[in-house]
Amino acid sequence: MLKNSGDQGPLKGQGKPLSQDYFKRDVFQNFEKVARDAGYLPPWLQLQKEISALVRTCQTDEEVNVINEKIKKHNVQCPPPMQKGFISLQNLERAKKIWEE
């Protein structure tokens, strides 16, 4: 696979000992760090960013309904402490503060 990529140079960190931080975390925590460093976002965080952008521009009941469907999907995917309530046109200003990035 590396031969096909055209990058024949040594891998970063090759031949060097692993840092002590690597041994302080379990396999999943190490995966999370590598994924985060590579720019990966879990689907619920991607959805959260999308909802945040929609809330900032929301003006109609139809848009509120679309956002609330996305919030429902977000709440199913995210950890329980990160769940958020539905919005309405009446509480839109408060929702904008809650959904700020």
PDB file of N, CA and C in Angstrom:
ATOM      1  N   MET A   1       0.822  -1.186   0.000  1.00  0.00           N
ATOM      2  CA  MET A   1       0.000   0.000   0.000  1.00  0.00           C
ATOM      3  C   MET A   1       0.871   1.256   0.000  1.00  0.00           C
ATOM      4  N   LEU A   2       1.912   1.287   0.827  1.00  0.00           N
ATOM      5  CA  LEU A   2       2.799   2.440   0.845  1.00  0.00           C
ATOM      6  C   LEU A   2       3.565   2.579  -0.457  1.00  0.00           C
ATOM      7  N   LYS A   3       3.872   1.449  -1.089  1.00  0.00           N
ATOM      8  CA  LYS A   3       4.597   1.505  -2.360  1.00  0.00           C
ATOM      9  C   LYS A   3       3.763   2.219  -3.415  1.00  0.00           C
ATOM     10  N   ASN A   4       2.448   2.009  -3.388  1.00  0.00           N
ATOM     11  CA  ASN A   4       1.562   2.617  -4.371  1.00  0.00           C
ATOM     12  C   ASN A   4       1.334   4.098  -4.114  1.00  0.00           C
ATOM     13  N   SER A   5       1.537   4.550  -2.882  1.00  0.00           N
ATOM     14  CA  SER A   5       1.253   5.945  -2.558  1.00  0.00           C
ATOM     15  C   SER A   5       2.320   6.894  -3.082  1.00  0.00           C
ATOM     16  N   GLY A   6       3.481   6.370  -3.426  1.00  0.00           N
ATOM     17  CA  GLY A   6       4.546   7.217  -3.940  1.00  0.00           C
ATOM     18  C   GLY A   6       5.400   7.824  -2.849  1.00  0.00           C
ATOM     19  N   ASP A   7       5.015   7.656  -1.592  1.00  0.00           N
ATOM     20  CA  ASP A   7       5.784   8.193  -0.470  1.00  0.00           C
ATOM     21  C   ASP A   7       6.695   7.095   0.054  1.00  0.00           C
ATOM     22  N   GLN A   8       7.940   7.127  -0.351  1.00  0.00           N
ATOM     23  CA  GLN A   8       8.881   6.073   0.018  1.00  0.00           C
ATOM     24  C   GLN A   8       9.718   6.435   1.241  1.00  0.00           C
ATOM     25  N   GLY A   9       9.574   7.649   1.764  1.00  0.00           N
ATOM     26  CA  GLY A   9      10.380   8.099   2.893  1.00  0.00           C
ATOM     27  C   GLY A   9       9.995   7.382   4.178  1.00  0.00           C
ATOM     28  N   PRO A  10      10.811   7.542   5.205  1.00  0.00           N
ATOM     29  CA  PRO A  10      10.511   6.901   6.488  1.00  0.00           C
ATOM     30  C   PRO A  10       9.250   7.498   7.116  1.00  0.00           C
ATOM     31  N   LEU A  11       8.553   6.694   7.866  1.00  0.00           N
ATOM     32  CA  LEU A  11       7.353   7.150   8.546  1.00  0.00           C
ATOM     33  C   LEU A  11       7.725   8.059   9.708  1.00  0.00           C
ATOM     34  N   LYS A  12       6.859   9.006  10.001  1.00  0.00           N
ATOM     35  CA  LYS A  12       7.098   9.925  11.111  1.00  0.00           C
ATOM     36  C   LYS A  12       7.191   9.132  12.417  1.00  0.00           C
ATOM     37  N   GLY A  13       8.242   9.319  13.151  1.00  0.00           N
ATOM     38  CA  GLY A  13       8.410   8.641  14.430  1.00  0.00           C
ATOM     39  C   GLY A  13       8.948   7.233  14.326  1.00  0.00           C
ATOM     40  N   GLN A  14       9.227   6.774  13.123  1.00  0.00           N
ATOM     41  CA  GLN A  14       9.717   5.405  12.940  1.00  0.00           C
ATOM     42  C   GLN A  14      11.035   5.207  13.681  1.00  0.00           C
ATOM     43  N   GLY A  15      11.111   4.144  14.460  1.00  0.00           N
ATOM     44  CA  GLY A  15      12.324   3.810  15.182  1.00  0.00           C
ATOM     45  C   GLY A  15      12.471   4.527  16.509  1.00  0.00           C
ATOM     46  N   LYS A  16      11.513   5.397  16.843  1.00  0.00           N
ATOM     47  CA  LYS A  16      11.577   6.130  18.108  1.00  0.00           C
ATOM     48  C   LYS A  16      10.630   5.473  19.111  1.00  0.00           C
ATOM     49  N   PRO A  17      10.952   5.545  20.398  1.00  0.00           N
ATOM     50  CA  PRO A  17      10.057   4.954  21.394  1.00  0.00           C
ATOM     51  C   PRO A  17       8.741   5.730  21.477  1.00  0.00           C
ATOM     52  N   LEU A  18       7.683   5.021  21.861  1.00  0.00           N
ATOM     53  CA  LEU A  18       6.392   5.670  22.057  1.00  0.00           C
ATOM     54  C   LEU A  18       6.468   6.569  23.280  1.00  0.00           C
ATOM     55  N   SER A  19       5.711   7.676  23.247  1.00  0.00           N
ATOM     56  CA  SER A  19       5.716   8.587  24.390  1.00  0.00           C
ATOM     57  C   SER A  19       5.019   7.928  25.578  1.00  0.00           C
ATOM     58  N   GLN A  20       5.337   8.389  26.770  1.00  0.00           N
ATOM     59  CA  GLN A  20       4.722   7.843  27.981  1.00  0.00           C
ATOM     60  C   GLN A  20       3.220   8.134  28.019  1.00  0.00           C
ATOM     61  N   ASP A  21       2.784   9.225  27.372  1.00  0.00           N
ATOM     62  CA  ASP A  21       1.354   9.536  27.317  1.00  0.00           C
ATOM     63  C   ASP A  21       0.573   8.420  26.634  1.00  0.00           C
ATOM     64  N   TYR A  22       1.198   7.775  25.678  1.00  0.00           N
ATOM     65  CA  TYR A  22       0.546   6.686  24.949  1.00  0.00           C
ATOM     66  C   TYR A  22       0.146   5.565  25.902  1.00  0.00           C
ATOM     67  N   PHE A  23       0.960   5.295  26.886  1.00  0.00           N
ATOM     68  CA  PHE A  23       0.696   4.194  27.810  1.00  0.00           C
ATOM     69  C   PHE A  23      -0.256   4.584  28.937  1.00  0.00           C
ATOM     70  N   LYS A  24      -0.561   5.861  29.086  1.00  0.00           N
ATOM     71  CA  LYS A  24      -1.476   6.322  30.135  1.00  0.00           C
ATOM     72  C   LYS A  24      -2.933   6.167  29.716  1.00  0.00           C
ATOM     73  N   ARG A  25      -3.175   5.975  28.421  1.00  0.00           N
ATOM     74  CA  ARG A  25      -4.547   5.877  27.907  1.00  0.00           C
ATOM     75  C   ARG A  25      -4.824   4.458  27.435  1.00  0.00           C
ATOM     76  N   ASP A  26      -6.130   4.115  27.399  1.00  0.00           N
ATOM     77  CA  ASP A  26      -6.484   2.805  26.854  1.00  0.00           C
ATOM     78  C   ASP A  26      -6.581   2.900  25.328  1.00  0.00           C
ATOM     79  N   VAL A  27      -6.896   1.798  24.688  1.00  0.00           N
ATOM     80  CA  VAL A  27      -6.917   1.734  23.220  1.00  0.00           C
ATOM     81  C   VAL A  27      -7.909   2.737  22.635  1.00  0.00           C
ATOM     82  N   PHE A  28      -9.099   2.825  23.227  1.00  0.00           N
ATOM     83  CA  PHE A  28     -10.111   3.737  22.700  1.00  0.00           C
ATOM     84  C   PHE A  28      -9.667   5.191  22.840  1.00  0.00           C
ATOM     85  N   GLN A  29      -9.088   5.537  23.976  1.00  0.00           N
ATOM     86  CA  GLN A  29      -8.613   6.908  24.166  1.00  0.00           C
ATOM     87  C   GLN A  29      -7.501   7.245  23.175  1.00  0.00           C
ATOM     88  N   ASN A  30      -6.626   6.286  22.904  1.00  0.00           N
ATOM     89  CA  ASN A  30      -5.579   6.513  21.903  1.00  0.00           C
ATOM     90  C   ASN A  30      -6.191   6.711  20.521  1.00  0.00           C
ATOM     91  N   PHE A  31      -7.208   5.904  20.201  1.00  0.00           N
ATOM     92  CA  PHE A  31      -7.901   6.065  18.919  1.00  0.00           C
ATOM     93  C   PHE A  31      -8.526   7.454  18.817  1.00  0.00           C
ATOM     94  N   GLU A  32      -9.208   7.892  19.894  1.00  0.00           N
ATOM     95  CA  GLU A  32      -9.833   9.209  19.883  1.00  0.00           C
ATOM     96  C   GLU A  32      -8.807  10.309  19.623  1.00  0.00           C
ATOM     97  N   LYS A  33      -7.658  10.213  20.253  1.00  0.00           N
ATOM     98  CA  LYS A  33      -6.624  11.233  20.072  1.00  0.00           C
ATOM     99  C   LYS A  33      -6.112  11.245  18.634  1.00  0.00           C
ATOM    100  N   VAL A  34      -5.840  10.071  18.091  1.00  0.00           N
ATOM    101  CA  VAL A  34      -5.351   9.991  16.710  1.00  0.00           C
ATOM    102  C   VAL A  34      -6.413  10.530  15.750  1.00  0.00           C
ATOM    103  N   ALA A  35      -7.666  10.147  15.963  1.00  0.00           N
ATOM    104  CA  ALA A  35      -8.752  10.607  15.100  1.00  0.00           C
ATOM    105  C   ALA A  35      -8.916  12.124  15.202  1.00  0.00           C
ATOM    106  N   ARG A  36      -8.885  12.647  16.417  1.00  0.00           N
ATOM    107  CA  ARG A  36      -9.028  14.091  16.622  1.00  0.00           C
ATOM    108  C   ARG A  36      -7.873  14.842  15.959  1.00  0.00           C
ATOM    109  N   ASP A  37      -6.661  14.332  16.121  1.00  0.00           N
ATOM    110  CA  ASP A  37      -5.493  14.967  15.498  1.00  0.00           C
ATOM    111  C   ASP A  37      -5.583  14.946  13.975  1.00  0.00           C
ATOM    112  N   ALA A  38      -6.270  13.945  13.423  1.00  0.00           N
ATOM    113  CA  ALA A  38      -6.429  13.829  11.972  1.00  0.00           C
ATOM    114  C   ALA A  38      -7.606  14.654  11.453  1.00  0.00           C
ATOM    115  N   GLY A  39      -8.353  15.312  12.358  1.00  0.00           N
ATOM    116  CA  GLY A  39      -9.461  16.158  11.940  1.00  0.00           C
ATOM    117  C   GLY A  39     -10.806  15.462  11.872  1.00  0.00           C
ATOM    118  N   TYR A  40     -10.907  14.243  12.402  1.00  0.00           N
ATOM    119  CA  TYR A  40     -12.166  13.503  12.367  1.00  0.00           C
ATOM    120  C   TYR A  40     -13.139  14.074  13.391  1.00  0.00           C
ATOM    121  N   LEU A  41     -14.394  14.224  12.999  1.00  0.00           N
ATOM    122  CA  LEU A  41     -15.459  14.612  13.913  1.00  0.00           C
ATOM    123  C   LEU A  41     -16.513  13.519  13.917  1.00  0.00           C
ATOM    124  N   PRO A  42     -16.982  13.113  15.099  1.00  0.00           N
ATOM    125  CA  PRO A  42     -18.072  12.142  15.144  1.00  0.00           C
ATOM    126  C   PRO A  42     -19.309  12.714  14.445  1.00  0.00           C
ATOM    127  N   PRO A  43     -20.180  11.846  13.941  1.00  0.00           N
ATOM    128  CA  PRO A  43     -21.369  12.326  13.222  1.00  0.00           C
ATOM    129  C   PRO A  43     -22.220  13.299  14.033  1.00  0.00           C
ATOM    130  N   TRP A  44     -22.344  13.069  15.336  1.00  0.00           N
ATOM    131  CA  TRP A  44     -23.185  13.970  16.136  1.00  0.00           C
ATOM    132  C   TRP A  44     -22.567  15.361  16.250  1.00  0.00           C
ATOM    133  N   LEU A  45     -21.245  15.473  16.230  1.00  0.00           N
ATOM    134  CA  LEU A  45     -20.612  16.797  16.253  1.00  0.00           C
ATOM    135  C   LEU A  45     -20.745  17.495  14.908  1.00  0.00           C
ATOM    136  N   GLN A  46     -20.681  16.728  13.825  1.00  0.00           N
ATOM    137  CA  GLN A  46     -20.907  17.309  12.501  1.00  0.00           C
ATOM    138  C   GLN A  46     -22.331  17.853  12.421  1.00  0.00           C
ATOM    139  N   LEU A  47     -23.287  17.070  12.938  1.00  0.00           N
ATOM    140  CA  LEU A  47     -24.685  17.489  12.942  1.00  0.00           C
ATOM    141  C   LEU A  47     -24.878  18.719  13.830  1.00  0.00           C
ATOM    142  N   GLN A  48     -24.176  18.766  14.949  1.00  0.00           N
ATOM    143  CA  GLN A  48     -24.270  19.913  15.854  1.00  0.00           C
ATOM    144  C   GLN A  48     -23.822  21.192  15.154  1.00  0.00           C
ATOM    145  N   LYS A  49     -22.757  21.124  14.383  1.00  0.00           N
ATOM    146  CA  LYS A  49     -22.279  22.288  13.630  1.00  0.00           C
ATOM    147  C   LYS A  49     -23.307  22.711  12.581  1.00  0.00           C
ATOM    148  N   GLU A  50     -23.915  21.725  11.930  1.00  0.00           N
ATOM    149  CA  GLU A  50     -24.937  22.015  10.919  1.00  0.00           C
ATOM    150  C   GLU A  50     -26.144  22.699  11.562  1.00  0.00           C
ATOM    151  N   ILE A  51     -26.592  22.178  12.701  1.00  0.00           N
ATOM    152  CA  ILE A  51     -27.736  22.764  13.411  1.00  0.00           C
ATOM    153  C   ILE A  51     -27.411  24.188  13.839  1.00  0.00           C
ATOM    154  N   SER A  52     -26.218  24.396  14.345  1.00  0.00           N
ATOM    155  CA  SER A  52     -25.796  25.729  14.784  1.00  0.00           C
ATOM    156  C   SER A  52     -25.904  26.741  13.646  1.00  0.00           C
ATOM    157  N   ALA A  53     -25.454  26.355  12.470  1.00  0.00           N
ATOM    158  CA  ALA A  53     -25.525  27.247  11.306  1.00  0.00           C
ATOM    159  C   ALA A  53     -26.976  27.514  10.917  1.00  0.00           C
ATOM    160  N   LEU A  54     -27.823  26.487  10.981  1.00  0.00           N
ATOM    161  CA  LEU A  54     -29.235  26.655  10.628  1.00  0.00           C
ATOM    162  C   LEU A  54     -29.960  27.546  11.629  1.00  0.00           C
ATOM    163  N   VAL A  55     -29.644  27.405  12.907  1.00  0.00           N
ATOM    164  CA  VAL A  55     -30.301  28.213  13.943  1.00  0.00           C
ATOM    165  C   VAL A  55     -29.979  29.693  13.738  1.00  0.00           C
ATOM    166  N   ARG A  56     -28.743  29.994  13.356  1.00  0.00           N
ATOM    167  CA  ARG A  56     -28.341  31.393  13.154  1.00  0.00           C
ATOM    168  C   ARG A  56     -29.146  32.074  12.049  1.00  0.00           C
ATOM    169  N   THR A  57     -29.601  31.304  11.047  1.00  0.00           N
ATOM    170  CA  THR A  57     -30.309  31.906   9.911  1.00  0.00           C
ATOM    171  C   THR A  57     -31.807  31.617   9.919  1.00  0.00           C
ATOM    172  N   CYS A  58     -32.296  30.947  10.927  1.00  0.00           N
ATOM    173  CA  CYS A  58     -33.701  30.526  10.994  1.00  0.00           C
ATOM    174  C   CYS A  58     -34.642  31.727  11.100  1.00  0.00           C
ATOM    175  N   GLN A  59     -35.760  31.675  10.314  1.00  0.00           N
ATOM    176  CA  GLN A  59     -36.739  32.761  10.350  1.00  0.00           C
ATOM    177  C   GLN A  59     -38.182  32.285  10.253  1.00  0.00           C
ATOM    178  N   THR A  60     -38.425  31.056   9.823  1.00  0.00           N
ATOM    179  CA  THR A  60     -39.799  30.601   9.608  1.00  0.00           C
ATOM    180  C   THR A  60     -40.089  29.334  10.408  1.00  0.00           C
ATOM    181  N   ASP A  61     -41.393  29.053  10.552  1.00  0.00           N
ATOM    182  CA  ASP A  61     -41.807  27.823  11.243  1.00  0.00           C
ATOM    183  C   ASP A  61     -41.328  26.580  10.505  1.00  0.00           C
ATOM    184  N   GLU A  62     -41.302  26.644   9.185  1.00  0.00           N
ATOM    185  CA  GLU A  62     -40.839  25.503   8.392  1.00  0.00           C
ATOM    186  C   GLU A  62     -39.367  25.199   8.696  1.00  0.00           C
ATOM    187  N   GLU A  63     -38.565  26.245   8.790  1.00  0.00           N
ATOM    188  CA  GLU A  63     -37.150  26.060   9.138  1.00  0.00           C
ATOM    189  C   GLU A  63     -36.999  25.515  10.556  1.00  0.00           C
ATOM    190  N   VAL A  64     -37.852  25.971  11.466  1.00  0.00           N
ATOM    191  CA  VAL A  64     -37.833  25.470  12.847  1.00  0.00           C
ATOM    192  C   VAL A  64     -38.121  23.976  12.856  1.00  0.00           C
ATOM    193  N   ASN A  65     -39.091  23.530  12.061  1.00  0.00           N
ATOM    194  CA  ASN A  65     -39.428  22.104  12.003  1.00  0.00           C
ATOM    195  C   ASN A  65     -38.260  21.270  11.481  1.00  0.00           C
ATOM    196  N   VAL A  66     -37.578  21.773  10.455  1.00  0.00           N
ATOM    197  CA  VAL A  66     -36.409  21.072   9.908  1.00  0.00           C
ATOM    198  C   VAL A  66     -35.319  20.979  10.974  1.00  0.00           C
ATOM    199  N   ILE A  67     -35.082  22.077  11.676  1.00  0.00           N
ATOM    200  CA  ILE A  67     -34.055  22.102  12.724  1.00  0.00           C
ATOM    201  C   ILE A  67     -34.414  21.138  13.846  1.00  0.00           C
ATOM    202  N   ASN A  68     -35.681  21.117  14.245  1.00  0.00           N
ATOM    203  CA  ASN A  68     -36.094  20.223  15.335  1.00  0.00           C
ATOM    204  C   ASN A  68     -35.931  18.751  14.958  1.00  0.00           C
ATOM    205  N   GLU A  69     -36.134  18.416  13.686  1.00  0.00           N
ATOM    206  CA  GLU A  69     -35.878  17.040  13.240  1.00  0.00           C
ATOM    207  C   GLU A  69     -34.393  16.707  13.367  1.00  0.00           C
ATOM    208  N   LYS A  70     -33.556  17.666  13.019  1.00  0.00           N
ATOM    209  CA  LYS A  70     -32.110  17.455  13.140  1.00  0.00           C
ATOM    210  C   LYS A  70     -31.693  17.373  14.612  1.00  0.00           C
ATOM    211  N   ILE A  71     -32.341  18.161  15.469  1.00  0.00           N
ATOM    212  CA  ILE A  71     -32.048  18.101  16.909  1.00  0.00           C
ATOM    213  C   ILE A  71     -32.427  16.732  17.457  1.00  0.00           C
ATOM    214  N   LYS A  72     -33.562  16.200  16.998  1.00  0.00           N
ATOM    215  CA  LYS A  72     -33.983  14.867  17.437  1.00  0.00           C
ATOM    216  C   LYS A  72     -32.927  13.823  17.064  1.00  0.00           C
ATOM    217  N   LYS A  73     -32.423  13.899  15.839  1.00  0.00           N
ATOM    218  CA  LYS A  73     -31.379  12.973  15.381  1.00  0.00           C
ATOM    219  C   LYS A  73     -30.094  13.175  16.189  1.00  0.00           C
ATOM    220  N   HIS A  74     -29.741  14.426  16.447  1.00  0.00           N
ATOM    221  CA  HIS A  74     -28.550  14.764  17.242  1.00  0.00           C
ATOM    222  C   HIS A  74     -28.653  14.152  18.636  1.00  0.00           C
ATOM    223  N   ASN A  75     -29.806  14.294  19.273  1.00  0.00           N
ATOM    224  CA  ASN A  75     -29.981  13.802  20.642  1.00  0.00           C
ATOM    225  C   ASN A  75     -29.895  12.286  20.740  1.00  0.00           C
ATOM    226  N   VAL A  76     -30.229  11.584  19.665  1.00  0.00           N
ATOM    227  CA  VAL A  76     -30.109  10.121  19.649  1.00  0.00           C
ATOM    228  C   VAL A  76     -28.639   9.709  19.558  1.00  0.00           C
ATOM    229  N   GLN A  77     -27.844  10.483  18.821  1.00  0.00           N
ATOM    230  CA  GLN A  77     -26.454  10.115  18.555  1.00  0.00           C
ATOM    231  C   GLN A  77     -25.468  10.578  19.624  1.00  0.00           C
ATOM    232  N   CYS A  78     -25.738  11.698  20.271  1.00  0.00           N
ATOM    233  CA  CYS A  78     -24.740  12.293  21.166  1.00  0.00           C
ATOM    234  C   CYS A  78     -24.823  11.720  22.580  1.00  0.00           C
ATOM    235  N   PRO A  79     -23.784  11.942  23.394  1.00  0.00           N
ATOM    236  CA  PRO A  79     -23.838  11.519  24.799  1.00  0.00           C
ATOM    237  C   PRO A  79     -24.957  12.274  25.525  1.00  0.00           C
ATOM    238  N   PRO A  80     -25.620  11.639  26.491  1.00  0.00           N
ATOM    239  CA  PRO A  80     -26.754  12.278  27.182  1.00  0.00           C
ATOM    240  C   PRO A  80     -26.487  13.693  27.711  1.00  0.00           C
ATOM    241  N   PRO A  81     -25.337  13.990  28.293  1.00  0.00           N
ATOM    242  CA  PRO A  81     -25.144  15.363  28.780  1.00  0.00           C
ATOM    243  C   PRO A  81     -25.097  16.420  27.673  1.00  0.00           C
ATOM    244  N   MET A  82     -24.910  15.994  26.439  1.00  0.00           N
ATOM    245  CA  MET A  82     -24.800  16.931  25.321  1.00  0.00           C
ATOM    246  C   MET A  82     -26.132  17.151  24.602  1.00  0.00           C
ATOM    247  N   GLN A  83     -27.188  16.469  25.036  1.00  0.00           N
ATOM    248  CA  GLN A  83     -28.483  16.610  24.384  1.00  0.00           C
ATOM    249  C   GLN A  83     -29.043  18.011  24.606  1.00  0.00           C
ATOM    250  N   LYS A  84     -29.796  18.494  23.614  1.00  0.00           N
ATOM    251  CA  LYS A  84     -30.352  19.844  23.674  1.00  0.00           C
ATOM    252  C   LYS A  84     -31.832  19.805  23.339  1.00  0.00           C
ATOM    253  N   GLY A  85     -32.556  20.812  23.834  1.00  0.00           N
ATOM    254  CA  GLY A  85     -33.995  20.883  23.628  1.00  0.00           C
ATOM    255  C   GLY A  85     -34.363  21.439  22.264  1.00  0.00           C
ATOM    256  N   PHE A  86     -35.641  21.259  21.931  1.00  0.00           N
ATOM    257  CA  PHE A  86     -36.155  21.761  20.663  1.00  0.00           C
ATOM    258  C   PHE A  86     -36.259  23.282  20.703  1.00  0.00           C
ATOM    259  N   ILE A  87     -36.343  23.877  19.521  1.00  0.00           N
ATOM    260  CA  ILE A  87     -36.450  25.330  19.434  1.00  0.00           C
ATOM    261  C   ILE A  87     -37.819  25.714  18.886  1.00  0.00           C
ATOM    262  N   SER A  88     -38.160  26.983  19.043  1.00  0.00           N
ATOM    263  CA  SER A  88     -39.363  27.553  18.444  1.00  0.00           C
ATOM    264  C   SER A  88     -39.034  28.990  18.062  1.00  0.00           C
ATOM    265  N   LEU A  89     -39.920  29.622  17.314  1.00  0.00           N
ATOM    266  CA  LEU A  89     -39.672  31.017  16.947  1.00  0.00           C
ATOM    267  C   LEU A  89     -39.671  31.910  18.188  1.00  0.00           C
ATOM    268  N   GLN A  90     -40.450  31.513  19.215  1.00  0.00           N
ATOM    269  CA  GLN A  90     -40.528  32.308  20.435  1.00  0.00           C
ATOM    270  C   GLN A  90     -39.219  32.274  21.229  1.00  0.00           C
ATOM    271  N   ASN A  91     -38.523  31.150  21.221  1.00  0.00           N
ATOM    272  CA  ASN A  91     -37.277  31.055  21.999  1.00  0.00           C
ATOM    273  C   ASN A  91     -36.036  31.055  21.099  1.00  0.00           C
ATOM    274  N   LEU A  92     -36.166  31.626  19.926  1.00  0.00           N
ATOM    275  CA  LEU A  92     -35.088  31.580  18.936  1.00  0.00           C
ATOM    276  C   LEU A  92     -33.822  32.299  19.409  1.00  0.00           C
ATOM    277  N   GLU A  93     -33.968  33.439  20.064  1.00  0.00           N
ATOM    278  CA  GLU A  93     -32.781  34.174  20.530  1.00  0.00           C
ATOM    279  C   GLU A  93     -32.028  33.375  21.584  1.00  0.00           C
ATOM    280  N   ARG A  94     -32.759  32.737  22.475  1.00  0.00           N
ATOM    281  CA  ARG A  94     -32.123  31.894  23.496  1.00  0.00           C
ATOM    282  C   ARG A  94     -31.466  30.685  22.834  1.00  0.00           C
ATOM    283  N   ALA A  95     -32.137  30.119  21.831  1.00  0.00           N
ATOM    284  CA  ALA A  95     -31.591  28.963  21.115  1.00  0.00           C
ATOM    285  C   ALA A  95     -30.294  29.328  20.393  1.00  0.00           C
ATOM    286  N   LYS A  96     -30.220  30.536  19.862  1.00  0.00           N
ATOM    287  CA  LYS A  96     -28.993  30.966  19.179  1.00  0.00           C
ATOM    288  C   LYS A  96     -27.819  30.974  20.149  1.00  0.00           C
ATOM    289  N   LYS A  97     -28.061  31.388  21.388  1.00  0.00           N
ATOM    290  CA  LYS A  97     -26.991  31.395  22.394  1.00  0.00           C
ATOM    291  C   LYS A  97     -26.602  29.971  22.782  1.00  0.00           C
ATOM    292  N   ILE A  98     -27.592  29.091  22.899  1.00  0.00           N
ATOM    293  CA  ILE A  98     -27.331  27.698  23.278  1.00  0.00           C
ATOM    294  C   ILE A  98     -26.554  26.977  22.185  1.00  0.00           C
ATOM    295  N   TRP A  99     -26.905  27.236  20.930  1.00  0.00           N
ATOM    296  CA  TRP A  99     -26.295  26.514  19.809  1.00  0.00           C
ATOM    297  C   TRP A  99     -25.059  27.196  19.248  1.00  0.00           C
ATOM    298  N   GLU A 100     -24.558  28.248  19.910  1.00  0.00           N
ATOM    299  CA  GLU A 100     -23.312  28.870  19.454  1.00  0.00           C
ATOM    300  C   GLU A 100     -22.198  27.846  19.480  1.00  0.00           C
ATOM    301  N   GLU A 101     -21.298  27.958  18.564  1.00  0.00           N
ATOM    302  CA  GLU A 101     -20.160  27.028  18.518  1.00  0.00           C
ATOM    303  C   GLU A 101     -19.074  27.483  19.452  1.00  0.00           C
TER     304      GLU A 101
END
